[in-house]
Amino acid sequence: MSIFLRLREERERLDMTQEAFGTAGGVLKRAVINYEKGERFPDVSFLAGVANAGADVLYIVTGKRGSESEGVLSEAESTLLTRWRSGSPVLRGYLQEVGQGPASGGSTVTIGGDVGQQVSGDQTVTGPMTFTVGGKTRTSGGKK
């Protein structure tokens, strides 16, 4: 996809007319039409203006969304970093502990007593199961 198509895509994403987009970028509607047709390249001052209106200029120029590019933080990442910087030593320690945890979720269920079985990770049981609790037997998927 070309810069011209991405420029139009961003304008439409922002639900702006060519005239409004041009005003944001400091140019006339005709210039925006020429940009979108590929007859002219937008200049830096135009791109800065539409960036202030919410356009993802990195996407317009490179085809990569700002959040996909290295060195560009998402809103959640930026919030976390802000809290880290303004946080107490206790909060920083907590955030470090959280950061050292596993990257993907998982579950472990350990049942003690006279069972002798441990289930780790995600499990799918497709057959019936029988549980004996306190001397009474209960079967999943049926009555007993």
Protein backbone atom coordinates (compact mmCIF):
# COMPACT_ATOMS: atom_id res chain seq x y z
CA MET A 1 0.00 0.00 0.00
CA SER A 2 1.34 3.43 -0.91
CA ILE A 3 1.76 6.53 1.22
CA PHE A 4 -1.11 8.09 -0.73
CA LEU A 5 -3.54 5.31 0.16
CA ARG A 6 -2.42 5.29 3.80
CA LEU A 7 -2.92 9.05 3.98
CA ARG A 8 -6.51 8.64 2.80
CA GLU A 9 -7.01 5.69 5.14
CA GLU A 10 -5.91 7.78 8.13
CA ARG A 11 -8.15 10.67 7.10
CA GLU A 12 -11.12 8.30 6.85
CA ARG A 13 -10.21 6.62 10.15
CA LEU A 14 -10.40 10.05 11.79
CA ASP A 15 -13.73 10.64 10.00
CA MET A 16 -12.43 13.89 8.50
CA THR A 17 -13.28 15.46 5.18
CA GLN A 18 -10.49 16.38 2.81
CA GLU A 19 -11.12 20.02 3.67
CA ALA A 20 -10.91 19.41 7.45
CA PHE A 21 -7.80 17.26 7.03
CA GLY A 22 -6.23 19.99 4.90
CA THR A 23 -7.06 22.63 7.50
CA ALA A 24 -5.43 20.49 10.20
CA GLY A 25 -2.33 20.22 8.02
CA GLY A 26 -2.32 23.88 6.98
CA VAL A 27 -3.17 23.26 3.31
CA LEU A 28 -6.21 23.60 1.07
CA LYS A 29 -8.57 20.76 0.18
CA ARG A 30 -7.04 20.64 -3.32
CA ALA A 31 -3.64 19.76 -1.84
CA VAL A 32 -5.16 16.84 0.08
CA ILE A 33 -6.80 15.62 -3.12
CA ASN A 34 -3.42 15.80 -4.88
CA TYR A 35 -1.76 13.90 -2.01
CA GLU A 36 -4.37 11.15 -2.11
CA LYS A 37 -4.12 10.85 -5.91
CA GLY A 38 -0.35 10.55 -5.71
CA GLU A 39 0.25 13.74 -7.68
CA ARG A 40 2.19 15.37 -4.82
CA PHE A 41 3.93 14.24 -1.67
CA PRO A 42 2.85 15.88 1.58
CA ASP A 43 5.48 18.00 3.29
CA VAL A 44 6.63 17.74 6.89
CA SER A 45 4.57 20.69 8.13
CA PHE A 46 1.41 19.06 6.76
CA LEU A 47 2.27 15.75 8.44
CA ALA A 48 2.97 17.52 11.74
CA GLY A 49 -0.40 19.24 11.55
CA VAL A 50 -2.38 16.08 10.86
CA ALA A 51 -0.43 14.30 13.60
CA ASN A 52 -1.78 16.91 16.02
CA ALA A 53 -5.26 16.05 14.74
CA GLY A 54 -4.70 12.38 15.63
CA ALA A 55 -3.25 10.89 12.44
CA ASP A 56 -0.61 8.18 12.85
CA VAL A 57 2.12 9.78 10.74
CA LEU A 58 4.48 6.86 11.27
CA TYR A 59 1.85 4.64 9.64
CA ILE A 60 1.30 7.09 6.79
CA VAL A 61 5.02 7.18 6.00
CA THR A 62 6.16 3.61 6.79
CA GLY A 63 3.03 1.47 6.83
CA LYS A 64 3.67 0.44 10.45
CA ARG A 65 1.34 1.60 13.19
CA GLY A 66 3.01 3.58 15.96
CA SER A 67 2.24 0.87 18.51
CA GLU A 68 3.88 -1.79 16.29
CA SER A 69 7.18 0.02 15.97
CA GLU A 70 10.13 -0.53 18.25
CA GLY A 71 10.68 2.29 20.67
CA VAL A 72 7.06 3.44 20.60
CA LEU A 73 5.11 2.64 23.75
CA SER A 74 1.44 1.76 23.85
CA GLU A 75 -0.79 3.71 26.20
CA ALA A 76 -0.71 0.84 28.73
CA GLU A 77 3.10 0.63 28.55
CA SER A 78 3.41 4.39 28.97
CA THR A 79 1.10 4.34 32.00
CA LEU A 80 3.12 1.54 33.60
CA LEU A 81 6.37 3.43 33.02
CA THR A 82 4.89 6.64 34.47
CA ARG A 83 3.75 4.77 37.57
CA TRP A 84 7.17 3.14 37.89
CA ARG A 85 8.95 6.49 37.73
CA SER A 86 6.67 8.15 40.28
CA GLY A 87 6.27 5.11 42.53
CA SER A 88 7.66 4.33 45.93
CA PRO A 89 10.43 1.76 46.37
CA VAL A 90 7.77 -0.72 47.54
CA LEU A 91 5.74 -0.22 44.36
CA ARG A 92 8.86 -0.54 42.22
CA GLY A 93 9.75 -3.78 43.98
CA TYR A 94 6.26 -5.12 43.38
CA LEU A 95 6.36 -4.20 39.69
CA GLN A 96 9.74 -5.92 39.35
CA GLU A 97 8.31 -9.09 40.92
CA VAL A 98 5.34 -9.01 38.57
CA GLY A 99 7.68 -8.51 35.62
CA GLN A 100 9.64 -11.63 36.51
CA GLY A 101 6.54 -13.85 36.38
CA PRO A 102 5.68 -16.10 33.45
CA ALA A 103 4.81 -14.32 30.23
CA SER A 104 1.87 -16.60 29.50
CA GLY A 105 -0.85 -17.67 31.85
CA GLY A 106 -1.08 -21.17 33.15
CA SER A 107 -2.65 -23.01 35.99
CA THR A 108 -1.58 -25.65 38.46
CA VAL A 109 -3.94 -27.50 40.73
CA THR A 110 -2.43 -29.64 43.44
CA ILE A 111 -4.71 -31.78 45.56
CA GLY A 112 -3.25 -33.21 48.73
CA GLY A 113 -4.30 -36.16 50.79
CA ASP A 114 -4.93 -39.60 49.42
CA VAL A 115 -5.10 -38.58 45.75
CA GLY A 116 -1.54 -38.46 44.50
CA GLN A 117 -2.19 -36.53 41.32
CA GLN A 118 -1.10 -33.09 40.14
CA VAL A 119 -2.46 -31.32 37.09
CA SER A 120 -0.27 -28.62 35.53
CA GLY A 121 -1.14 -26.30 32.67
CA ASP A 122 -4.34 -26.14 30.70
CA GLN A 123 -6.32 -29.37 30.75
CA THR A 124 -9.35 -30.45 28.75
CA VAL A 125 -11.29 -33.43 30.00
CA THR A 126 -13.59 -34.96 27.42
CA GLY A 127 -14.75 -38.03 29.31
CA PRO A 128 -16.74 -38.37 32.50
CA MET A 129 -14.93 -37.79 35.81
CA THR A 130 -15.68 -39.18 39.21
CA PHE A 131 -15.04 -37.24 42.41
CA THR A 132 -15.27 -38.79 45.83
CA VAL A 133 -15.66 -36.16 48.52
CA GLY A 134 -16.30 -37.12 52.12
CA GLY A 135 -17.34 -40.64 51.25
CA LYS A 136 -19.97 -39.64 48.66
CA THR A 137 -19.27 -40.25 44.99
CA ARG A 138 -20.30 -37.64 42.43
CA THR A 139 -19.90 -38.13 38.70
CA SER A 140 -19.72 -35.23 36.27
CA GLY A 141 -22.11 -35.51 33.36
CA GLY A 142 -24.44 -37.92 35.11
CA LYS A 143 -26.17 -38.91 38.35
CA LYS A 144 -24.93 -41.43 40.84
